[in-house]
N, C-alpha and C. Protein backbone atom coordinates (compact mmCIF):
# COMPACT_ATOMS: atom_id res chain seq x y z
N UNK A 1 1.37 -1.05 0.03
CA UNK A 1 0.07 -0.35 0.48
C UNK A 1 1.05 1.11 -0.14
N UNK A 2 2.02 1.32 0.77
CA UNK A 2 2.71 2.37 0.71
C UNK A 2 3.14 2.75 -0.58
N UNK A 3 3.79 1.62 -0.61
CA UNK A 3 5.19 1.62 -2.29
C UNK A 3 3.97 2.30 -3.35
N UNK A 4 2.11 1.44 -3.42
CA UNK A 4 1.53 1.96 -4.45
C UNK A 4 1.23 3.86 -3.98
N UNK A 5 1.34 4.38 -2.82
CA UNK A 5 0.77 5.84 -2.47
C UNK A 5 2.44 6.51 -2.74
N UNK A 6 3.83 6.20 -2.90
CA UNK A 6 4.93 6.41 -2.99
C UNK A 6 4.69 6.65 -4.68
N UNK A 7 4.25 5.83 -5.65
CA UNK A 7 4.24 5.74 -6.68
C UNK A 7 3.83 6.96 -7.23
N UNK A 8 2.07 7.05 -6.57
CA UNK A 8 1.29 7.79 -6.95
C UNK A 8 2.17 9.23 -6.60
N UNK A 9 2.60 9.59 -5.67
CA UNK A 9 2.94 10.48 -4.93
C UNK A 9 4.38 11.47 -6.06
N UNK A 10 5.17 10.34 -6.46
CA UNK A 10 6.01 10.30 -7.30
C UNK A 10 5.64 10.96 -8.84
N UNK A 11 4.79 10.04 -9.51
CA UNK A 11 3.89 10.79 -10.46
C UNK A 11 3.29 12.32 -10.47
N UNK A 12 2.84 12.48 -9.53
CA UNK A 12 2.16 13.52 -9.00
C UNK A 12 3.69 14.63 -9.31
N UNK A 13 4.32 14.55 -8.30
CA UNK A 13 5.57 15.41 -8.79
C UNK A 13 6.03 15.70 -10.34
N UNK A 14 6.74 14.64 -10.62
CA UNK A 14 7.05 14.62 -12.13
C UNK A 14 6.07 15.05 -13.22
N UNK A 15 4.76 15.06 -12.85
CA UNK A 15 3.92 15.55 -13.96
C UNK A 15 3.87 17.30 -13.97
N UNK A 16 3.97 17.39 -11.85
CA UNK A 16 3.82 19.47 -11.68
C UNK A 16 4.96 19.38 -12.43
N UNK A 17 6.07 18.84 -12.47
CA UNK A 17 7.43 19.63 -12.66
C UNK A 17 7.06 20.12 -14.15
N UNK A 18 6.75 18.55 -15.08
CA UNK A 18 6.75 19.04 -16.21
C UNK A 18 5.59 20.17 -16.65
N UNK A 19 4.45 20.00 -15.82
CA UNK A 19 3.34 21.02 -16.40
C UNK A 19 4.18 22.69 -15.99
N UNK A 20 5.17 23.05 -15.02
CA UNK A 20 5.26 23.63 -15.02
C UNK A 20 6.15 24.31 -15.82
N UNK A 21 6.77 23.40 -16.59
CA UNK A 21 7.69 24.26 -17.86
C UNK A 21 7.10 25.11 -18.45
N UNK A 22 7.91 25.97 -18.84
CA UNK A 22 7.27 27.03 -20.26
C UNK A 22 6.96 26.22 -21.30
N UNK A 23 5.95 26.44 -22.24
CA UNK A 23 5.57 25.80 -23.32
C UNK A 23 6.94 27.00 -24.85
N UNK A 24 7.32 25.62 -25.07
CA UNK A 24 8.65 25.88 -26.23
C UNK A 24 8.01 27.33 -26.89
N UNK A 25 8.64 28.30 -27.61
CA UNK A 25 7.90 29.62 -28.39
C UNK A 25 8.18 28.65 -29.46
N UNK A 26 7.31 29.18 -30.48
CA UNK A 26 7.40 29.17 -31.95
C UNK A 26 8.13 29.41 -32.53
N UNK A 27 8.54 30.75 -32.41
CA UNK A 27 9.52 31.30 -33.02
C UNK A 27 10.90 30.37 -32.61
N UNK A 28 12.33 30.65 -33.93
CA UNK A 28 13.34 29.67 -33.44
C UNK A 28 14.34 30.25 -32.96
N UNK A 29 13.17 31.13 -32.12
CA UNK A 29 14.68 32.18 -31.22
C UNK A 29 14.77 31.06 -29.98
N UNK A 30 13.81 30.10 -29.72
CA UNK A 30 13.86 28.58 -29.11
C UNK A 30 15.10 28.11 -29.02
N UNK A 31 15.05 28.01 -30.22
CA UNK A 31 16.51 26.96 -30.50
C UNK A 31 17.90 27.83 -30.55
N UNK A 32 17.84 28.47 -29.37
CA UNK A 32 19.03 29.37 -29.66
C UNK A 32 19.81 28.42 -28.38
N UNK A 33 20.97 28.58 -28.30
CA UNK A 33 21.99 27.25 -27.34
C UNK A 33 21.62 27.78 -25.93
N UNK A 34 21.10 28.95 -25.70
CA UNK A 34 21.05 28.85 -24.14
C UNK A 34 19.34 28.73 -23.70
N UNK A 35 18.93 28.89 -24.66
CA UNK A 35 17.23 27.79 -24.45
C UNK A 35 17.39 26.43 -24.47
N UNK A 36 18.10 25.63 -25.26
CA UNK A 36 18.91 24.59 -25.41
C UNK A 36 18.90 24.20 -23.76
N UNK A 37 20.21 25.21 -23.24
CA UNK A 37 21.19 25.10 -22.80
C UNK A 37 19.86 24.85 -21.25
N UNK A 38 18.53 26.05 -20.94
CA UNK A 38 18.34 25.99 -19.80
C UNK A 38 16.61 25.07 -20.13
N UNK A 39 16.84 24.40 -21.17
CA UNK A 39 15.57 23.30 -20.75
C UNK A 39 16.06 22.01 -20.86
N UNK A 40 17.68 21.69 -21.13
CA UNK A 40 18.72 20.46 -20.53
C UNK A 40 18.79 20.71 -19.24
N UNK A 41 18.71 21.75 -18.81
CA UNK A 41 18.84 21.91 -17.18
C UNK A 41 17.45 21.47 -16.18
N UNK A 42 16.59 22.16 -16.92
CA UNK A 42 15.40 21.87 -16.53
C UNK A 42 15.04 20.66 -16.23
N UNK A 43 15.58 19.60 -17.69
CA UNK A 43 15.18 18.23 -17.67
C UNK A 43 16.05 17.56 -16.87
N UNK A 44 17.15 18.09 -15.95
CA UNK A 44 18.32 17.20 -15.50
C UNK A 44 17.52 17.31 -14.12
N UNK A 45 17.05 18.77 -14.00
CA UNK A 45 16.47 18.87 -12.38
C UNK A 45 14.91 17.58 -12.47
N UNK A 46 14.45 17.44 -12.71
CA UNK A 46 13.22 16.93 -12.76
C UNK A 46 13.34 15.38 -12.95
N UNK A 47 14.42 15.14 -13.63
CA UNK A 47 15.02 13.73 -13.92
C UNK A 47 15.62 13.48 -12.54
N UNK A 48 16.68 14.66 -11.32
CA UNK A 48 17.01 14.02 -10.90
C UNK A 48 15.94 13.58 -9.45
N UNK A 49 15.03 14.84 -9.31
CA UNK A 49 13.80 14.57 -8.39
C UNK A 49 13.12 13.50 -8.62
N UNK A 50 12.81 13.06 -9.84
CA UNK A 50 12.30 12.07 -9.89
C UNK A 50 13.14 10.54 -9.28
N UNK A 51 14.33 11.03 -9.74
CA UNK A 51 15.03 9.53 -9.02
C UNK A 51 15.02 9.81 -7.70
N UNK A 52 15.38 10.84 -7.13
CA UNK A 52 15.52 10.77 -5.40
C UNK A 52 14.49 10.73 -4.84
N UNK A 53 13.14 10.35 -5.73
CA UNK A 53 11.80 10.00 -5.38
C UNK A 53 11.78 8.93 -4.94
N UNK A 54 12.10 8.29 -6.20
CA UNK A 54 11.99 6.74 -6.25
C UNK A 54 12.86 6.07 -5.37
N UNK A 55 13.75 6.98 -5.00
CA UNK A 55 15.03 6.35 -4.23
C UNK A 55 14.27 6.11 -2.69
N UNK A 56 13.78 7.21 -2.04
CA UNK A 56 12.84 7.70 -1.47
C UNK A 56 11.67 6.51 -0.90
N UNK A 57 11.26 6.32 -1.99
CA UNK A 57 10.40 5.25 -1.53
C UNK A 57 10.46 3.93 -1.78
N UNK A 58 12.43 4.11 -2.65
CA UNK A 58 12.56 1.92 -2.28
C UNK A 58 12.86 1.97 -0.98
N UNK A 59 13.49 2.95 -0.53
CA UNK A 59 14.12 2.95 1.15
C UNK A 59 12.85 2.59 2.56
N UNK A 60 12.32 3.42 1.91
CA UNK A 60 10.19 3.09 2.92
C UNK A 60 10.40 1.80 2.54
N UNK A 61 10.33 1.01 1.23
CA UNK A 61 9.99 -0.24 1.50
C UNK A 61 10.63 -1.50 1.78
N UNK A 62 12.14 -0.93 1.89
CA UNK A 62 13.23 -1.29 2.15
C UNK A 62 13.15 -1.77 4.05
N UNK A 63 12.76 -0.40 4.87
CA UNK A 63 12.37 -0.48 6.24
C UNK A 63 11.26 -0.96 6.46
N UNK A 64 10.15 -1.12 5.64
CA UNK A 64 8.88 -1.61 6.20
C UNK A 64 9.15 -3.31 5.64
N UNK A 65 9.98 -3.48 5.05
CA UNK A 65 9.83 -4.90 5.24
C UNK A 65 11.05 -5.76 6.13
N UNK A 66 12.24 -4.76 6.10
CA UNK A 66 13.20 -5.17 7.30
C UNK A 66 12.14 -5.18 8.35
N UNK A 67 11.20 -4.07 9.04
CA UNK A 67 10.52 -4.05 10.19
C UNK A 67 9.96 -5.21 10.23
N UNK A 68 9.18 -5.35 9.32
CA UNK A 68 8.02 -6.95 8.55
C UNK A 68 9.25 -8.25 9.26
N UNK A 69 10.16 -8.11 8.62
CA UNK A 69 10.98 -9.61 8.78
C UNK A 69 11.28 -9.33 10.61
N UNK A 70 11.74 -8.08 10.85
CA UNK A 70 11.90 -8.07 13.02
C UNK A 70 11.24 -9.20 14.02
N UNK A 71 9.99 -8.21 12.66
CA UNK A 71 8.59 -8.71 13.88
C UNK A 71 8.48 -10.61 13.63
N UNK A 72 8.17 -10.82 13.26
CA UNK A 72 8.16 -11.80 12.30
C UNK A 72 9.48 -12.83 13.18
N UNK A 73 10.71 -12.78 13.01
CA UNK A 73 11.42 -13.22 13.84
C UNK A 73 11.35 -13.40 14.97
N UNK A 74 10.96 -12.30 15.42
CA UNK A 74 10.96 -12.03 17.22
C UNK A 74 9.37 -12.76 18.18
N UNK A 75 8.18 -12.61 17.04
CA UNK A 75 7.33 -13.67 17.43
C UNK A 75 7.89 -15.01 17.28
N UNK A 76 8.60 -15.38 16.02
CA UNK A 76 8.85 -17.19 16.27
C UNK A 76 9.84 -17.01 17.23
N UNK A 77 10.79 -16.46 17.91
CA UNK A 77 11.58 -16.50 18.55
C UNK A 77 11.01 -16.27 20.30
N UNK A 78 9.56 -16.02 19.95
CA UNK A 78 8.98 -16.37 21.56
C UNK A 78 8.27 -17.34 21.00
N UNK A 79 7.69 -17.80 20.16
CA UNK A 79 6.48 -19.02 20.66
C UNK A 79 7.77 -20.33 20.73
N UNK A 80 8.95 -20.64 20.12
CA UNK A 80 9.59 -21.08 20.26
C UNK A 80 9.86 -21.39 21.79
N UNK A 81 10.50 -20.06 22.22
CA UNK A 81 10.77 -19.92 23.56
C UNK A 81 9.97 -20.68 24.55
N UNK A 82 8.59 -20.65 24.21
CA UNK A 82 7.90 -21.07 24.65
C UNK A 82 7.42 -22.39 25.02
N UNK A 83 8.14 -22.96 23.77
CA UNK A 83 7.61 -24.34 23.38
C UNK A 83 8.49 -24.99 24.27
N UNK A 84 10.00 -24.40 24.38
CA UNK A 84 10.89 -24.76 24.74
C UNK A 84 10.70 -25.42 26.37
N UNK A 85 10.03 -24.33 27.10
CA UNK A 85 9.80 -23.70 28.35
C UNK A 85 8.79 -25.41 28.63
N UNK A 86 7.80 -25.20 28.13
CA UNK A 86 6.18 -26.35 28.03
C UNK A 86 7.54 -27.51 27.65
N UNK A 87 8.33 -28.12 27.24
CA UNK A 87 8.67 -28.98 26.96
C UNK A 87 10.12 -28.90 28.05
N UNK A 88 10.41 -28.44 28.65
CA UNK A 88 11.31 -28.69 30.20
C UNK A 88 10.43 -28.89 31.01
N UNK A 89 9.22 -28.09 31.31
CA UNK A 89 8.24 -28.48 32.45
C UNK A 89 7.78 -29.99 32.40
N UNK A 90 7.74 -30.30 30.90
CA UNK A 90 7.16 -31.49 30.69
C UNK A 90 8.18 -32.61 31.33
N UNK A 91 8.85 -32.33 31.43
CA UNK A 91 10.65 -33.14 31.47
C UNK A 91 10.21 -33.14 32.84
N UNK A 92 10.78 -32.53 33.64
CA UNK A 92 10.80 -31.65 35.22
C UNK A 92 9.48 -32.77 35.70
N UNK A 93 7.96 -32.54 35.01
CA UNK A 93 7.14 -33.07 35.83
C UNK A 93 7.51 -35.13 35.81
N UNK A 94 7.46 -35.36 34.30
CA UNK A 94 7.82 -36.74 34.21
C UNK A 94 9.29 -37.16 35.17
N UNK A 95 9.92 -36.65 35.15
CA UNK A 95 11.25 -37.13 36.13
C UNK A 95 11.13 -36.85 37.17
N UNK A 96 10.14 -36.15 38.04
CA UNK A 96 9.61 -36.24 39.46
C UNK A 96 8.96 -37.58 39.30
N UNK A 97 7.73 -37.83 38.89
CA UNK A 97 7.45 -38.65 38.49
C UNK A 97 8.04 -40.18 39.09
N UNK A 98 8.87 -40.07 37.77
CA UNK A 98 10.17 -41.41 37.98
C UNK A 98 11.00 -41.52 39.08
N UNK A 99 11.52 -40.11 39.34
CA UNK A 99 12.24 -40.34 40.79
C UNK A 99 11.46 -40.68 42.27
N UNK A 100 10.12 -40.40 42.16
CA UNK A 100 8.96 -40.66 43.17
C UNK A 100 8.61 -42.10 43.41
N UNK A 101 8.41 -42.63 42.09
CA UNK A 101 8.28 -44.59 41.81
C UNK A 101 9.64 -44.90 42.38
N UNK A 102 10.26 -44.24 42.15
CA UNK A 102 11.54 -45.40 42.13
C UNK A 102 12.14 -45.50 43.62
N UNK A 103 11.91 -44.29 44.27
CA UNK A 103 12.05 -43.77 46.05
C UNK A 103 11.04 -44.65 46.88
N UNK A 104 9.61 -44.83 45.99
CA UNK A 104 8.65 -45.84 46.70
C UNK A 104 8.97 -47.44 46.46
N UNK A 105 9.83 -47.60 44.99
CA UNK A 105 10.20 -48.97 45.09
C UNK A 105 11.53 -49.41 45.64
N UNK A 106 12.13 -48.21 46.19
CA UNK A 106 13.52 -48.63 47.16
C UNK A 106 12.74 -48.79 49.20
N UNK A 107 12.01 -48.41 49.00
CA UNK A 107 11.11 -48.16 50.24
C UNK A 107 10.72 -49.71 50.21
N UNK A 108 9.86 -50.32 49.57
CA UNK A 108 9.20 -51.34 49.27
C UNK A 108 10.31 -52.71 49.62
N UNK A 109 11.23 -52.14 48.65
CA UNK A 109 12.05 -53.29 48.76
C UNK A 109 13.03 -53.18 50.20
N UNK A 110 12.89 -51.99 51.05
CA UNK A 110 13.61 -51.98 51.91
C UNK A 110 12.88 -52.80 52.94
N UNK A 111 11.96 -52.38 52.92
CA UNK A 111 10.50 -52.77 53.64
C UNK A 111 10.72 -54.65 53.20
N UNK A 112 10.90 -54.86 52.48
CA UNK A 112 10.71 -56.56 52.45
C UNK A 112 11.92 -56.97 52.95
N UNK A 113 13.48 -56.21 52.85
CA UNK A 113 13.99 -56.74 53.64
C UNK A 113 14.42 -57.11 55.00
N UNK A 114 13.70 -55.73 55.60
CA UNK A 114 13.48 -55.97 57.05
C UNK A 114 12.39 -56.98 57.15
N UNK A 115 11.37 -57.49 56.15
CA UNK A 115 10.71 -58.34 56.77
C UNK A 115 11.56 -59.57 56.90
N UNK A 116 11.79 -60.46 55.89
CA UNK A 116 12.77 -61.48 55.32
C UNK A 116 13.74 -60.88 56.72
N UNK A 117 14.69 -60.17 57.27
CA UNK A 117 15.24 -60.90 58.08
C UNK A 117 14.61 -60.76 59.19
N UNK A 118 13.44 -60.50 59.64
CA UNK A 118 13.21 -60.02 60.81
C UNK A 118 11.97 -61.96 60.64
N UNK A 119 12.19 -62.66 59.81
CA UNK A 119 11.52 -63.41 59.31
C UNK A 119 12.25 -64.69 59.97
N UNK A 120 13.56 -64.24 59.07
CA UNK A 120 14.80 -65.58 59.30
C UNK A 120 15.00 -65.52 60.52
N UNK A 121 15.50 -64.30 61.69
CA UNK A 121 15.62 -64.32 62.77
C UNK A 121 14.71 -64.97 63.96
N UNK A 122 12.96 -65.29 63.16
CA UNK A 122 12.23 -65.69 63.90
C UNK A 122 12.36 -67.27 64.10
N UNK A 123 12.63 -67.44 62.68
CA UNK A 123 13.10 -68.91 62.29
C UNK A 123 14.01 -69.01 63.13
N UNK A 124 15.27 -68.79 63.15
CA UNK A 124 16.52 -69.02 63.85
C UNK A 124 16.62 -69.54 65.36
N UNK A 125 15.33 -68.38 66.06
CA UNK A 125 15.30 -68.54 67.35
C UNK A 125 13.91 -69.79 67.79
N UNK A 126 13.50 -70.27 66.66
CA UNK A 126 12.69 -71.29 66.50
C UNK A 126 13.26 -72.60 66.31
N UNK A 127 14.36 -72.69 66.06
CA UNK A 127 15.20 -73.70 65.13
C UNK A 127 16.28 -74.01 66.54
N UNK A 128 16.64 -72.53 67.00
CA UNK A 128 17.10 -73.42 68.37
C UNK A 128 16.65 -73.33 69.70
N UNK A 129 15.45 -73.11 69.73
CA UNK A 129 14.35 -73.85 70.83
C UNK A 129 14.59 -74.95 70.75
N UNK A 130 13.96 -75.21 69.11
CA UNK A 130 14.12 -76.93 68.78
C UNK A 130 15.10 -77.80 68.97
N UNK A 131 16.41 -76.85 69.19
CA UNK A 131 17.77 -77.57 68.91
C UNK A 131 17.73 -78.07 70.75
N UNK A 132 17.88 -76.95 71.10
CA UNK A 132 17.81 -76.62 72.92
C UNK A 132 16.96 -78.14 73.58
N UNK A 133 15.79 -77.99 72.99
CA UNK A 133 14.75 -78.92 73.73
C UNK A 133 14.93 -80.11 73.23
N UNK A 134 15.72 -80.31 72.33
CA UNK A 134 15.73 -81.97 71.37
C UNK A 134 17.42 -81.90 72.44
N UNK A 135 17.97 -81.54 73.06
CA UNK A 135 19.42 -81.44 73.59
C UNK A 135 19.45 -81.84 74.98
N UNK A 136 18.10 -81.19 75.55
CA UNK A 136 17.90 -81.43 76.96
C UNK A 136 17.01 -82.60 76.93
N UNK A 137 17.34 -83.94 77.92
CA UNK A 137 16.54 -84.75 78.15
C UNK A 137 15.53 -84.18 79.14
N UNK A 138 14.25 -84.86 79.34
CA UNK A 138 12.94 -84.58 80.16
C UNK A 138 12.99 -84.76 80.97
N UNK A 139 13.26 -84.55 81.63
CA UNK A 139 12.82 -84.89 83.01
C UNK A 139 12.21 -85.13 84.25
């Protein structure tokens, strides 16, 4: 949109510059070297103004495109950052869940070991009692 407006404005200025020129006289006096030189100077000024306007319009387009590209990159970075943050949070949650499961399993194993130790002690005591009872004669 801005490019179209800039082109229309450039066209308007070019039209105004050419319309402001004095019409060439129909007499041969207009072909004098001074008149030709003045006309060439005017044409050169009009062309220079046109080039300046076109350059300004092109620079504005480049600036706008650059700004748009920067905004897109910034948005993409922000979205990527959010995705990474979410992935890290998910990984942390799953890690914490796994750690809790490992901790529970270790506690269960420890408890089972303690139960086995206690059962072994009870069995040992029972064996000892039965051995002592068998070794002592009944009175």
